[in-house]
Amino acid sequence: MTLRTLAAVLVVASVVTVDGQAWRHRSGQTPIVTPIRAGAGPAVQLRPASAHRVQYFGYWKDNRHETAGHSNTVDVSWPTTDLELAAVQTTLNQAWSDDRWFVVWVPFIFYGPTPRTGMAGPGGYIWLDKGEQAWHRYVEPMRPYLPRVIAFYLMDEPDTVASGDAPASGYDPNLYNPLIERSLAVIRADYPGAPVALNYAFANRPGLVIPSGLTWVGLETYGVTLPDDNLRGLVARLTRDQGVMLMPKAYIDLSVPGEIDDAQIAAFAQAQADYAVRDPRIIGLRPFLWCVEWLANCDDVAQPTDLFYSVGGSKLLLTQAAFRSIGHAILGR
């Protein structure tokens, strides 16, 4: 499995699988979970660009309690069933107790076959009507968590996914912008002013237009020295009020020729964290990734021939130590 494939599968998992915690509930039960903080509050309002500072640290698609000591964000998927709702509420209640912020993946953008490429194609993003129905079904039960939501998260790498989902007219880096705009409208009809985000792989692609309604944008910064052309290209396309979340490399793929080693990955992580505190655009770090969510432990591999390891296991101890230190510094604890 390539890194691109892994990221794509994780996106699919975010909208079609039940959170692992839900399986601990007996079949047929739909326990009611009361949020720790009662009452609806305003959505999180990020500081204007002139006052941006590094304030968030958390791993992409991570909500494990084991990272709470050095991470202040968690990712969850919007529930599509009552059982999932109970599981998500349990996760968010614990995260709130741990003083963490929430990134909530929306249910109405789906990665799979599209009309442009069909079943034989590599896939792309489409609108999922039943996902939108699930959104509306659980708007009220999820409303009490709004004060801790830093983003309703739309998609991963729309610029790269579009290259495999190209229409007959050719590659369009803005192929999914209509989906993004539709998402913004749906979310903010129910939660006015709510923060919305996504991440790009390459934000310096010619012609790329970043929707101005996004609150912040993640950028993959795997093994690069900042600022690079990719980050400069992103900043040039943002409005004054949009922030940036860096996504440093937190994995090693030993099946890739010339892959950098643990010490080098750790060094890039520290250098990017040092840069982040000097750049007022950067609001946080979102390393990819602590652990592949469906595997029993972080050193498992999805396929024996794909030697992909995440930072949460035992293969990247220097990098793990670096990220723990970075997280503690950002959290101030």
C-alpha atoms as a PDB file:
ATOM      1  CA  MET A   1       0.000   0.000   0.000  1.00  0.00           C
ATOM      2  CA  THR A   2       1.398   3.375  -0.967  1.00  0.00           C
ATOM      3  CA  LEU A   3       1.089   6.442   1.239  1.00  0.00           C
ATOM      4  CA  ARG A   4      -1.500   7.863  -1.162  1.00  0.00           C
ATOM      5  CA  THR A   5      -3.523   4.646  -0.967  1.00  0.00           C
ATOM      6  CA  LEU A   6      -3.280   4.583   2.809  1.00  0.00           C
ATOM      7  CA  ALA A   7      -4.553   8.136   3.071  1.00  0.00           C
ATOM      8  CA  ALA A   8      -7.411   7.354   0.699  1.00  0.00           C
ATOM      9  CA  VAL A   9      -8.443   4.265   2.640  1.00  0.00           C
ATOM     10  CA  LEU A  10      -8.383   6.249   5.870  1.00  0.00           C
ATOM     11  CA  VAL A  11     -10.772   8.743   4.310  1.00  0.00           C
ATOM     12  CA  VAL A  12     -13.137   5.953   3.298  1.00  0.00           C
ATOM     13  CA  ALA A  13     -12.919   4.472   6.772  1.00  0.00           C
ATOM     14  CA  SER A  14     -13.891   7.810   8.253  1.00  0.00           C
ATOM     15  CA  VAL A  15     -17.295   7.724   6.551  1.00  0.00           C
ATOM     16  CA  VAL A  16     -18.279   4.068   6.272  1.00  0.00           C
ATOM     17  CA  THR A  17     -16.981   2.274   9.357  1.00  0.00           C
ATOM     18  CA  VAL A  18     -18.209   2.239  12.924  1.00  0.00           C
ATOM     19  CA  ASP A  19     -15.847   3.643  15.535  1.00  0.00           C
ATOM     20  CA  GLY A  20     -14.106   0.770  17.297  1.00  0.00           C
ATOM     21  CA  GLN A  21     -15.530   1.828  20.639  1.00  0.00           C
ATOM     22  CA  ALA A  22     -19.031   1.145  19.369  1.00  0.00           C
ATOM     23  CA  TRP A  23     -18.353  -2.560  19.135  1.00  0.00           C
ATOM     24  CA  ARG A  24     -18.051  -2.667  22.902  1.00  0.00           C
ATOM     25  CA  HIS A  25     -21.744  -1.910  23.205  1.00  0.00           C
ATOM     26  CA  ARG A  26     -23.960  -4.944  23.095  1.00  0.00           C
ATOM     27  CA  SER A  27     -26.003  -5.411  19.957  1.00  0.00           C
ATOM     28  CA  GLY A  28     -29.240  -3.472  20.045  1.00  0.00           C
ATOM     29  CA  GLN A  29     -28.230  -1.072  22.778  1.00  0.00           C
ATOM     30  CA  THR A  30     -28.187   2.656  22.101  1.00  0.00           C
ATOM     31  CA  PRO A  31     -26.990   4.138  25.402  1.00  0.00           C
ATOM     32  CA  ILE A  32     -27.611   7.801  25.996  1.00  0.00           C
ATOM     33  CA  VAL A  33     -24.435   9.729  26.735  1.00  0.00           C
ATOM     34  CA  THR A  34     -24.781  13.174  28.270  1.00  0.00           C
ATOM     35  CA  PRO A  35     -22.098  15.640  27.166  1.00  0.00           C
ATOM     36  CA  ILE A  36     -19.826  16.812  29.943  1.00  0.00           C
ATOM     37  CA  ARG A  37     -20.586  20.454  29.180  1.00  0.00           C
ATOM     38  CA  ALA A  38     -24.271  21.152  28.825  1.00  0.00           C
ATOM     39  CA  GLY A  39     -25.666  23.794  26.543  1.00  0.00           C
ATOM     40  CA  ALA A  40     -24.731  25.004  23.092  1.00  0.00           C
ATOM     41  CA  GLY A  41     -21.945  27.506  22.762  1.00  0.00           C
ATOM     42  CA  PRO A  42     -20.537  29.449  19.840  1.00  0.00           C
ATOM     43  CA  ALA A  43     -18.193  27.729  17.453  1.00  0.00           C
ATOM     44  CA  VAL A  44     -14.510  28.276  18.083  1.00  0.00           C
ATOM     45  CA  GLN A  45     -13.366  31.534  16.540  1.00  0.00           C
ATOM     46  CA  LEU A  46      -9.722  31.476  15.510  1.00  0.00           C
ATOM     47  CA  ARG A  47      -7.668  34.601  16.020  1.00  0.00           C
ATOM     48  CA  PRO A  48      -7.207  36.921  13.024  1.00  0.00           C
ATOM     49  CA  ALA A  49      -4.069  36.293  10.980  1.00  0.00           C
ATOM     50  CA  SER A  50      -2.162  39.089  12.690  1.00  0.00           C
ATOM     51  CA  ALA A  51      -2.500  37.209  15.976  1.00  0.00           C
ATOM     52  CA  HIS A  52      -2.138  33.597  14.793  1.00  0.00           C
ATOM     53  CA  ARG A  53       0.112  31.494  16.955  1.00  0.00           C
ATOM     54  CA  VAL A  54       0.913  27.826  17.261  1.00  0.00           C
ATOM     55  CA  GLN A  55      -1.786  26.541  19.590  1.00  0.00           C
ATOM     56  CA  TYR A  56      -2.729  23.033  18.405  1.00  0.00           C
ATOM     57  CA  PHE A  57      -0.843  19.766  18.237  1.00  0.00           C
ATOM     58  CA  GLY A  58      -2.446  16.473  17.324  1.00  0.00           C
ATOM     59  CA  TYR A  59      -1.998  13.546  14.962  1.00  0.00           C
ATOM     60  CA  TRP A  60      -4.070  13.057  11.805  1.00  0.00           C
ATOM     61  CA  LYS A  61      -7.011  10.692  12.513  1.00  0.00           C
ATOM     62  CA  ASP A  62      -5.945  10.095  16.131  1.00  0.00           C
ATOM     63  CA  ASN A  63      -8.235  10.034  19.137  1.00  0.00           C
ATOM     64  CA  ARG A  64      -6.376   7.627  21.411  1.00  0.00           C
ATOM     65  CA  HIS A  65      -6.216   8.476  25.079  1.00  0.00           C
ATOM     66  CA  GLU A  66      -2.553   7.398  25.097  1.00  0.00           C
ATOM     67  CA  THR A  67      -1.574  10.592  23.242  1.00  0.00           C
ATOM     68  CA  ALA A  68      -3.482  12.945  25.568  1.00  0.00           C
ATOM     69  CA  GLY A  69      -0.347  13.830  27.515  1.00  0.00           C
ATOM     70  CA  HIS A  70       1.255  15.645  24.569  1.00  0.00           C
ATOM     71  CA  SER A  71      -1.607  16.230  22.122  1.00  0.00           C
ATOM     72  CA  ASN A  72      -4.527  18.627  22.445  1.00  0.00           C
ATOM     73  CA  THR A  73      -6.652  17.550  19.466  1.00  0.00           C
ATOM     74  CA  VAL A  74      -8.650  14.448  18.561  1.00  0.00           C
ATOM     75  CA  ASP A  75     -10.280  13.371  15.313  1.00  0.00           C
ATOM     76  CA  VAL A  76     -13.694  11.696  15.160  1.00  0.00           C
ATOM     77  CA  SER A  77     -16.091  10.863  12.354  1.00  0.00           C
ATOM     78  CA  TRP A  78     -19.587  12.309  12.395  1.00  0.00           C
ATOM     79  CA  PRO A  79     -21.992   9.566  13.530  1.00  0.00           C
ATOM     80  CA  THR A  80     -24.305   7.863  11.059  1.00  0.00           C
ATOM     81  CA  THR A  81     -26.126   5.588  13.538  1.00  0.00           C
ATOM     82  CA  ASP A  82     -27.250   5.834  17.173  1.00  0.00           C
ATOM     83  CA  LEU A  83     -24.541   3.351  18.118  1.00  0.00           C
ATOM     84  CA  GLU A  84     -21.892   5.489  16.470  1.00  0.00           C
ATOM     85  CA  LEU A  85     -23.309   8.567  18.184  1.00  0.00           C
ATOM     86  CA  ALA A  86     -22.841   6.952  21.583  1.00  0.00           C
ATOM     87  CA  ALA A  87     -19.267   5.990  20.712  1.00  0.00           C
ATOM     88  CA  VAL A  88     -18.408   9.455  19.397  1.00  0.00           C
ATOM     89  CA  GLN A  89     -19.892  11.104  22.478  1.00  0.00           C
ATOM     90  CA  THR A  90     -17.861   8.816  24.715  1.00  0.00           C
ATOM     91  CA  THR A  91     -14.677   9.734  22.847  1.00  0.00           C
ATOM     92  CA  LEU A  92     -15.440  13.460  22.912  1.00  0.00           C
ATOM     93  CA  ASN A  93     -16.422  13.447  26.580  1.00  0.00           C
ATOM     94  CA  GLN A  94     -13.092  11.875  27.464  1.00  0.00           C
ATOM     95  CA  ALA A  95     -11.255  14.289  25.182  1.00  0.00           C
ATOM     96  CA  TRP A  96     -13.016  17.259  26.772  1.00  0.00           C
ATOM     97  CA  SER A  97     -11.954  16.011  30.179  1.00  0.00           C
ATOM     98  CA  ASP A  98      -8.406  15.860  28.801  1.00  0.00           C
ATOM     99  CA  ASP A  99      -8.710  19.489  27.607  1.00  0.00           C
ATOM    100  CA  ARG A 100      -8.471  18.563  23.941  1.00  0.00           C
ATOM    101  CA  TRP A 101     -10.007  20.142  20.840  1.00  0.00           C
ATOM    102  CA  PHE A 102     -12.086  18.338  18.229  1.00  0.00           C
ATOM    103  CA  VAL A 103     -11.670  17.749  14.490  1.00  0.00           C
ATOM    104  CA  VAL A 104     -14.900  16.207  13.163  1.00  0.00           C
ATOM    105  CA  TRP A 105     -14.881  14.503   9.761  1.00  0.00           C
ATOM    106  CA  VAL A 106     -18.118  15.114   7.874  1.00  0.00           C
ATOM    107  CA  PRO A 107     -20.234  12.191   6.592  1.00  0.00           C
ATOM    108  CA  PHE A 108     -21.395  13.564   3.254  1.00  0.00           C
ATOM    109  CA  ILE A 109     -18.146  13.521   1.242  1.00  0.00           C
ATOM    110  CA  PHE A 110     -17.252  10.012   0.131  1.00  0.00           C
ATOM    111  CA  TYR A 111     -14.182   8.588  -1.592  1.00  0.00           C
ATOM    112  CA  GLY A 112     -15.052   5.971  -4.200  1.00  0.00           C
ATOM    113  CA  PRO A 113     -15.983   5.441  -7.863  1.00  0.00           C
ATOM    114  CA  THR A 114     -17.138   8.606  -9.628  1.00  0.00           C
ATOM    115  CA  PRO A 115     -19.084   9.219 -12.849  1.00  0.00           C
ATOM    116  CA  ARG A 116     -15.829  10.434 -14.408  1.00  0.00           C
ATOM    117  CA  THR A 117     -13.781   7.280 -13.867  1.00  0.00           C
ATOM    118  CA  GLY A 118     -16.317   4.526 -13.147  1.00  0.00           C
ATOM    119  CA  MET A 119     -15.713   1.362 -11.147  1.00  0.00           C
ATOM    120  CA  ALA A 120     -12.376   0.701 -12.871  1.00  0.00           C
ATOM    121  CA  GLY A 121     -10.907   4.080 -12.020  1.00  0.00           C
ATOM    122  CA  PRO A 122      -8.765   5.044  -9.023  1.00  0.00           C
ATOM    123  CA  GLY A 123     -11.691   6.839  -7.416  1.00  0.00           C
ATOM    124  CA  GLY A 124     -12.465  10.330  -6.256  1.00  0.00           C
ATOM    125  CA  TYR A 125     -14.768  12.378  -4.057  1.00  0.00           C
ATOM    126  CA  ILE A 126     -18.543  12.436  -4.472  1.00  0.00           C
ATOM    127  CA  TRP A 127     -21.476  13.766  -2.457  1.00  0.00           C
ATOM    128  CA  LEU A 128     -23.183  11.137  -0.298  1.00  0.00           C
ATOM    129  CA  ASP A 129     -26.890  11.866   0.168  1.00  0.00           C
ATOM    130  CA  LYS A 130     -27.260   9.419   3.038  1.00  0.00           C
ATOM    131  CA  GLY A 131     -24.310  11.122   4.682  1.00  0.00           C
ATOM    132  CA  GLU A 132     -26.108  14.456   4.470  1.00  0.00           C
ATOM    133  CA  GLN A 133     -29.162  12.802   6.017  1.00  0.00           C
ATOM    134  CA  ALA A 134     -26.979  11.555   8.883  1.00  0.00           C
ATOM    135  CA  TRP A 135     -25.614  15.065   9.341  1.00  0.00           C
ATOM    136  CA  HIS A 136     -29.103  16.496   9.799  1.00  0.00           C
ATOM    137  CA  ARG A 137     -30.165  13.605  12.037  1.00  0.00           C
ATOM    138  CA  TYR A 138     -27.431  14.274  14.591  1.00  0.00           C
ATOM    139  CA  VAL A 139     -27.033  18.066  14.433  1.00  0.00           C
ATOM    140  CA  GLU A 140     -28.723  18.576  17.803  1.00  0.00           C
ATOM    141  CA  PRO A 141     -27.021  15.741  19.759  1.00  0.00           C
ATOM    142  CA  MET A 142     -23.646  17.019  18.492  1.00  0.00           C
ATOM    143  CA  ARG A 143     -24.358  20.716  19.115  1.00  0.00           C
ATOM    144  CA  PRO A 144     -23.104  20.751  22.751  1.00  0.00           C
ATOM    145  CA  TYR A 145     -19.614  19.871  21.507  1.00  0.00           C
ATOM    146  CA  LEU A 146     -19.317  22.959  19.274  1.00  0.00           C
ATOM    147  CA  PRO A 147     -17.290  25.007  21.778  1.00  0.00           C
ATOM    148  CA  ARG A 148     -14.399  22.554  21.380  1.00  0.00           C
ATOM    149  CA  VAL A 149     -14.620  22.002  17.593  1.00  0.00           C
ATOM    150  CA  ILE A 150     -11.702  23.542  15.706  1.00  0.00           C
ATOM    151  CA  ALA A 151     -12.797  22.095  12.361  1.00  0.00           C
ATOM    152  CA  PHE A 152     -15.432  20.157  10.550  1.00  0.00           C
ATOM    153  CA  TYR A 153     -13.031  18.321   8.250  1.00  0.00           C
ATOM    154  CA  LEU A 154     -13.987  17.771   4.614  1.00  0.00           C
ATOM    155  CA  MET A 155     -11.343  15.799   2.750  1.00  0.00           C
ATOM    156  CA  ASP A 156      -7.725  14.791   2.307  1.00  0.00           C
ATOM    157  CA  GLU A 157      -5.618  15.925  -0.668  1.00  0.00           C
ATOM    158  CA  PRO A 158      -8.323  17.119  -3.070  1.00  0.00           C
ATOM    159  CA  ASP A 159      -5.570  18.352  -5.391  1.00  0.00           C
ATOM    160  CA  THR A 160      -3.967  14.905  -5.658  1.00  0.00           C
ATOM    161  CA  VAL A 161      -7.193  12.902  -5.731  1.00  0.00           C
ATOM    162  CA  ALA A 162      -8.362  15.038  -8.643  1.00  0.00           C
ATOM    163  CA  SER A 163      -5.436  13.829 -10.745  1.00  0.00           C
ATOM    164  CA  GLY A 164      -6.869  10.303 -10.714  1.00  0.00           C
ATOM    165  CA  ASP A 165     -10.429  11.491 -11.203  1.00  0.00           C
ATOM    166  CA  ALA A 166      -9.805  13.789 -14.134  1.00  0.00           C
ATOM    167  CA  PRO A 167     -12.691  14.621 -16.466  1.00  0.00           C
ATOM    168  CA  ALA A 168     -12.312  14.267 -20.215  1.00  0.00           C
ATOM    169  CA  SER A 169     -11.116  17.856 -20.407  1.00  0.00           C
ATOM    170  CA  GLY A 170      -8.070  17.015 -18.281  1.00  0.00           C
ATOM    171  CA  TYR A 171      -6.750  17.575 -14.774  1.00  0.00           C
ATOM    172  CA  ASP A 172      -8.491  20.269 -12.756  1.00  0.00           C
ATOM    173  CA  PRO A 173      -6.951  21.114  -9.363  1.00  0.00           C
ATOM    174  CA  ASN A 174     -10.269  22.744  -8.395  1.00  0.00           C
ATOM    175  CA  LEU A 175     -12.410  19.737  -9.340  1.00  0.00           C
ATOM    176  CA  TYR A 176     -13.842  19.378  -5.842  1.00  0.00           C
ATOM    177  CA  ASN A 177     -14.358  23.055  -5.048  1.00  0.00           C
ATOM    178  CA  PRO A 178     -18.123  22.748  -5.715  1.00  0.00           C
ATOM    179  CA  LEU A 179     -18.240  19.948  -3.111  1.00  0.00           C
ATOM    180  CA  ILE A 180     -16.342  22.169  -0.702  1.00  0.00           C
ATOM    181  CA  GLU A 181     -18.719  25.083  -1.229  1.00  0.00           C
ATOM    182  CA  ARG A 182     -21.740  22.803  -0.810  1.00  0.00           C
ATOM    183  CA  SER A 183     -20.245  21.463   2.411  1.00  0.00           C
ATOM    184  CA  LEU A 184     -19.682  24.955   3.767  1.00  0.00           C
ATOM    185  CA  ALA A 185     -23.320  25.803   3.086  1.00  0.00           C
ATOM    186  CA  VAL A 186     -24.674  22.665   4.777  1.00  0.00           C
ATOM    187  CA  ILE A 187     -22.474  22.994   7.849  1.00  0.00           C
ATOM    188  CA  ARG A 188     -23.043  26.692   8.425  1.00  0.00           C
ATOM    189  CA  ALA A 189     -26.779  26.481   7.841  1.00  0.00           C
ATOM    190  CA  ASP A 190     -26.907  24.467  11.065  1.00  0.00           C
ATOM    191  CA  TYR A 191     -23.844  25.892  12.832  1.00  0.00           C
ATOM    192  CA  PRO A 192     -23.346  29.518  11.721  1.00  0.00           C
ATOM    193  CA  GLY A 193     -19.701  30.511  11.665  1.00  0.00           C
ATOM    194  CA  ALA A 194     -18.470  26.976  12.342  1.00  0.00           C
ATOM    195  CA  PRO A 195     -14.795  26.316  11.492  1.00  0.00           C
ATOM    196  CA  VAL A 196     -14.197  24.140   8.407  1.00  0.00           C
ATOM    197  CA  ALA A 197     -10.905  22.717   7.130  1.00  0.00           C
ATOM    198  CA  LEU A 198      -9.177  20.225   4.816  1.00  0.00           C
ATOM    199  CA  ASN A 199      -5.618  19.497   3.723  1.00  0.00           C
ATOM    200  CA  TYR A 200      -3.675  19.693   0.489  1.00  0.00           C
ATOM    201  CA  ALA A 201      -0.659  17.744  -0.701  1.00  0.00           C
ATOM    202  CA  PHE A 202       0.587  20.410  -3.129  1.00  0.00           C
ATOM    203  CA  ALA A 203      -0.810  23.918  -2.770  1.00  0.00           C
ATOM    204  CA  ASN A 204       1.456  25.420  -5.421  1.00  0.00           C
ATOM    205  CA  ARG A 205      -0.249  23.715  -8.357  1.00  0.00           C
ATOM    206  CA  PRO A 206      -0.909  26.165 -11.210  1.00  0.00           C
ATOM    207  CA  GLY A 207      -4.472  27.434 -11.183  1.00  0.00           C
ATOM    208  CA  LEU A 208      -5.346  26.076  -7.722  1.00  0.00           C
ATOM    209  CA  VAL A 209      -8.005  28.159  -5.977  1.00  0.00           C
ATOM    210  CA  ILE A 210      -8.484  27.642  -2.255  1.00  0.00           C
ATOM    211  CA  PRO A 211     -12.070  28.376  -1.172  1.00  0.00           C
ATOM    212  CA  SER A 212     -12.133  31.471   1.003  1.00  0.00           C
ATOM    213  CA  GLY A 213     -14.746  29.965   3.319  1.00  0.00           C
ATOM    214  CA  LEU A 214     -12.268  27.512   4.839  1.00  0.00           C
ATOM    215  CA  THR A 215     -11.124  28.476   8.326  1.00  0.00           C
ATOM    216  CA  TRP A 216      -7.724  26.832   8.091  1.00  0.00           C
ATOM    217  CA  VAL A 217      -5.870  24.589   5.687  1.00  0.00           C
ATOM    218  CA  GLY A 218      -3.560  21.678   6.390  1.00  0.00           C
ATOM    219  CA  LEU A 219      -0.446  21.230   4.257  1.00  0.00           C
ATOM    220  CA  GLU A 220       1.647  18.065   3.987  1.00  0.00           C
ATOM    221  CA  THR A 221       5.253  18.957   4.747  1.00  0.00           C
ATOM    222  CA  TYR A 222       6.889  15.531   4.621  1.00  0.00           C
ATOM    223  CA  GLY A 223      10.659  15.792   4.914  1.00  0.00           C
ATOM    224  CA  VAL A 224      11.085  19.352   3.669  1.00  0.00           C
ATOM    225  CA  THR A 225      12.784  22.477   4.969  1.00  0.00           C
ATOM    226  CA  LEU A 226      10.390  25.365   5.519  1.00  0.00           C
ATOM    227  CA  PRO A 227       9.423  27.664   4.049  1.00  0.00           C
ATOM    228  CA  ASP A 228       9.397  25.838   0.714  1.00  0.00           C
ATOM    229  CA  ASP A 229       7.606  26.636  -2.548  1.00  0.00           C
ATOM    230  CA  ASN A 230       4.621  24.546  -1.452  1.00  0.00           C
ATOM    231  CA  LEU A 231       4.045  26.564   1.717  1.00  0.00           C
ATOM    232  CA  ARG A 232       4.670  29.849  -0.101  1.00  0.00           C
ATOM    233  CA  GLY A 233       2.159  28.800  -2.748  1.00  0.00           C
ATOM    234  CA  LEU A 234      -0.424  28.028  -0.086  1.00  0.00           C
ATOM    235  CA  VAL A 235       0.017  31.311   1.770  1.00  0.00           C
ATOM    236  CA  ALA A 236      -0.238  33.263  -1.489  1.00  0.00           C
ATOM    237  CA  ARG A 237      -3.675  31.717  -2.077  1.00  0.00           C
ATOM    238  CA  LEU A 238      -5.116  32.300   1.400  1.00  0.00           C
ATOM    239  CA  THR A 239      -7.134  35.183   2.706  1.00  0.00           C
ATOM    240  CA  ARG A 240      -5.760  37.193   5.588  1.00  0.00           C
ATOM    241  CA  ASP A 241      -7.880  35.336   8.146  1.00  0.00           C
ATOM    242  CA  GLN A 242      -7.121  31.748   7.079  1.00  0.00           C
ATOM    243  CA  GLY A 243      -4.615  29.799   9.161  1.00  0.00           C
ATOM    244  CA  VAL A 244      -2.260  26.956   8.276  1.00  0.00           C
ATOM    245  CA  MET A 245      -1.782  23.617  10.003  1.00  0.00           C
ATOM    246  CA  LEU A 246       1.529  21.950   9.130  1.00  0.00           C
ATOM    247  CA  MET A 247       1.484  18.176   8.586  1.00  0.00           C
ATOM    248  CA  PRO A 248       5.024  16.897   9.178  1.00  0.00           C
ATOM    249  CA  LYS A 249       6.114  13.365   8.336  1.00  0.00           C
ATOM    250  CA  ALA A 250       5.493  10.906  11.189  1.00  0.00           C
ATOM    251  CA  TYR A 251       5.957   7.580   9.422  1.00  0.00           C
ATOM    252  CA  ILE A 252       8.566   5.520   7.641  1.00  0.00           C
ATOM    253  CA  ASP A 253       7.989   3.413   4.551  1.00  0.00           C
ATOM    254  CA  LEU A 254      10.864   0.964   4.266  1.00  0.00           C
ATOM    255  CA  SER A 255       9.627  -0.260   0.888  1.00  0.00           C
ATOM    256  CA  VAL A 256      10.496   3.104  -0.697  1.00  0.00           C
ATOM    257  CA  PRO A 257      14.039   3.333  -2.111  1.00  0.00           C
ATOM    258  CA  GLY A 258      16.026   6.084  -0.464  1.00  0.00           C
ATOM    259  CA  GLU A 259      13.613   6.514   2.435  1.00  0.00           C
ATOM    260  CA  ILE A 260      15.055   8.769   5.141  1.00  0.00           C
ATOM    261  CA  ASP A 261      15.709   7.235   8.559  1.00  0.00           C
ATOM    262  CA  ASP A 262      14.366   7.851  12.046  1.00  0.00           C
ATOM    263  CA  ALA A 263      16.996  10.456  12.951  1.00  0.00           C
ATOM    264  CA  GLN A 264      16.331  12.432   9.771  1.00  0.00           C
ATOM    265  CA  ILE A 265      12.548  12.346  10.238  1.00  0.00           C
ATOM    266  CA  ALA A 266      13.003  13.544  13.826  1.00  0.00           C
ATOM    267  CA  ALA A 267      15.284  16.361  12.683  1.00  0.00           C
ATOM    268  CA  PHE A 268      12.767  17.559  10.079  1.00  0.00           C
ATOM    269  CA  ALA A 269      10.012  17.446  12.719  1.00  0.00           C
ATOM    270  CA  GLN A 270      11.955  19.635  15.113  1.00  0.00           C
ATOM    271  CA  ALA A 271      13.024  22.046  12.388  1.00  0.00           C
ATOM    272  CA  GLN A 272       9.430  22.458  11.211  1.00  0.00           C
ATOM    273  CA  ALA A 273       8.219  23.036  14.774  1.00  0.00           C
ATOM    274  CA  ASP A 274      10.940  25.675  15.228  1.00  0.00           C
ATOM    275  CA  TYR A 275       9.832  27.347  12.004  1.00  0.00           C
ATOM    276  CA  ALA A 276       6.153  27.246  12.984  1.00  0.00           C
ATOM    277  CA  VAL A 277       6.608  29.473  16.013  1.00  0.00           C
ATOM    278  CA  ARG A 278       8.231  32.125  13.786  1.00  0.00           C
ATOM    279  CA  ASP A 279       5.480  32.157  11.153  1.00  0.00           C
ATOM    280  CA  PRO A 280       2.291  33.946  12.317  1.00  0.00           C
ATOM    281  CA  ARG A 281       0.241  31.996   9.746  1.00  0.00           C
ATOM    282  CA  ILE A 282       0.833  28.653  11.471  1.00  0.00           C
ATOM    283  CA  ILE A 283      -1.776  27.682  14.064  1.00  0.00           C
ATOM    284  CA  GLY A 284      -0.586  24.156  14.781  1.00  0.00           C
ATOM    285  CA  LEU A 285       1.038  20.873  13.782  1.00  0.00           C
ATOM    286  CA  ARG A 286      -0.883  17.828  12.637  1.00  0.00           C
ATOM    287  CA  PRO A 287       1.659  15.040  12.015  1.00  0.00           C
ATOM    288  CA  PHE A 288       0.777  12.121   9.736  1.00  0.00           C
ATOM    289  CA  LEU A 289       0.370   9.808  11.680  1.00  0.00           C
ATOM    290  CA  TRP A 290       0.382   8.225  15.152  1.00  0.00           C
ATOM    291  CA  CYS A 291      -1.160   4.872  14.284  1.00  0.00           C
ATOM    292  CA  VAL A 292      -3.226   3.336  11.480  1.00  0.00           C
ATOM    293  CA  GLU A 293      -6.586   3.245  13.208  1.00  0.00           C
ATOM    294  CA  TRP A 294      -7.808  -0.207  12.213  1.00  0.00           C
ATOM    295  CA  LEU A 295      -4.614  -2.080  13.140  1.00  0.00           C
ATOM    296  CA  ALA A 296      -4.197  -3.769  16.516  1.00  0.00           C
ATOM    297  CA  ASN A 297      -0.998  -1.869  17.275  1.00  0.00           C
ATOM    298  CA  CYS A 298       1.141   0.759  15.623  1.00  0.00           C
ATOM    299  CA  ASP A 299       3.789  -1.695  14.402  1.00  0.00           C
ATOM    300  CA  ASP A 300       1.338  -3.822  12.441  1.00  0.00           C
ATOM    301  CA  VAL A 301       1.396  -3.512   8.660  1.00  0.00           C
ATOM    302  CA  ALA A 302      -1.637  -3.764   6.425  1.00  0.00           C
ATOM    303  CA  GLN A 303       0.274  -5.864   3.885  1.00  0.00           C
ATOM    304  CA  PRO A 304       3.536  -7.787   4.421  1.00  0.00           C
ATOM    305  CA  THR A 305       5.090  -6.229   1.329  1.00  0.00           C
ATOM    306  CA  ASP A 306       4.281  -2.688   2.434  1.00  0.00           C
ATOM    307  CA  LEU A 307       6.663  -1.866   5.265  1.00  0.00           C
ATOM    308  CA  PHE A 308       4.867   1.265   6.390  1.00  0.00           C
ATOM    309  CA  TYR A 309       5.250   2.122  10.080  1.00  0.00           C
ATOM    310  CA  SER A 310       3.739   5.022  11.998  1.00  0.00           C
ATOM    311  CA  VAL A 311       5.361   7.022  14.762  1.00  0.00           C
ATOM    312  CA  GLY A 312       3.277   5.482  17.542  1.00  0.00           C
ATOM    313  CA  GLY A 313       5.079   2.136  17.326  1.00  0.00           C
ATOM    314  CA  SER A 314       8.636   1.066  18.105  1.00  0.00           C
ATOM    315  CA  LYS A 315      10.273   1.789  14.732  1.00  0.00           C
ATOM    316  CA  LEU A 316      10.617   5.556  15.121  1.00  0.00           C
ATOM    317  CA  LEU A 317      11.648   6.137  18.705  1.00  0.00           C
ATOM    318  CA  LEU A 318      13.683   9.271  17.954  1.00  0.00           C
ATOM    319  CA  THR A 319      10.836  10.797  15.976  1.00  0.00           C
ATOM    320  CA  GLN A 320       8.310   9.830  18.633  1.00  0.00           C
ATOM    321  CA  ALA A 321      10.447  11.504  21.295  1.00  0.00           C
ATOM    322  CA  ALA A 322      10.748  14.616  19.127  1.00  0.00           C
ATOM    323  CA  PHE A 323       6.995  14.870  18.629  1.00  0.00           C
ATOM    324  CA  ARG A 324       6.309  14.275  22.311  1.00  0.00           C
ATOM    325  CA  SER A 325       8.660  17.136  23.137  1.00  0.00           C
ATOM    326  CA  ILE A 326       7.093  19.370  20.494  1.00  0.00           C
ATOM    327  CA  GLY A 327       3.612  18.605  21.770  1.00  0.00           C
ATOM    328  CA  HIS A 328       4.566  19.338  25.375  1.00  0.00           C
ATOM    329  CA  ALA A 329       6.073  22.657  24.308  1.00  0.00           C
ATOM    330  CA  ILE A 330       2.939  23.714  22.387  1.00  0.00           C
ATOM    331  CA  LEU A 331       0.614  22.608  25.178  1.00  0.00           C
ATOM    332  CA  GLY A 332       2.793  24.197  27.828  1.00  0.00           C
ATOM    333  CA  ARG A 333       2.823  21.104  29.986  1.00  0.00           C
END
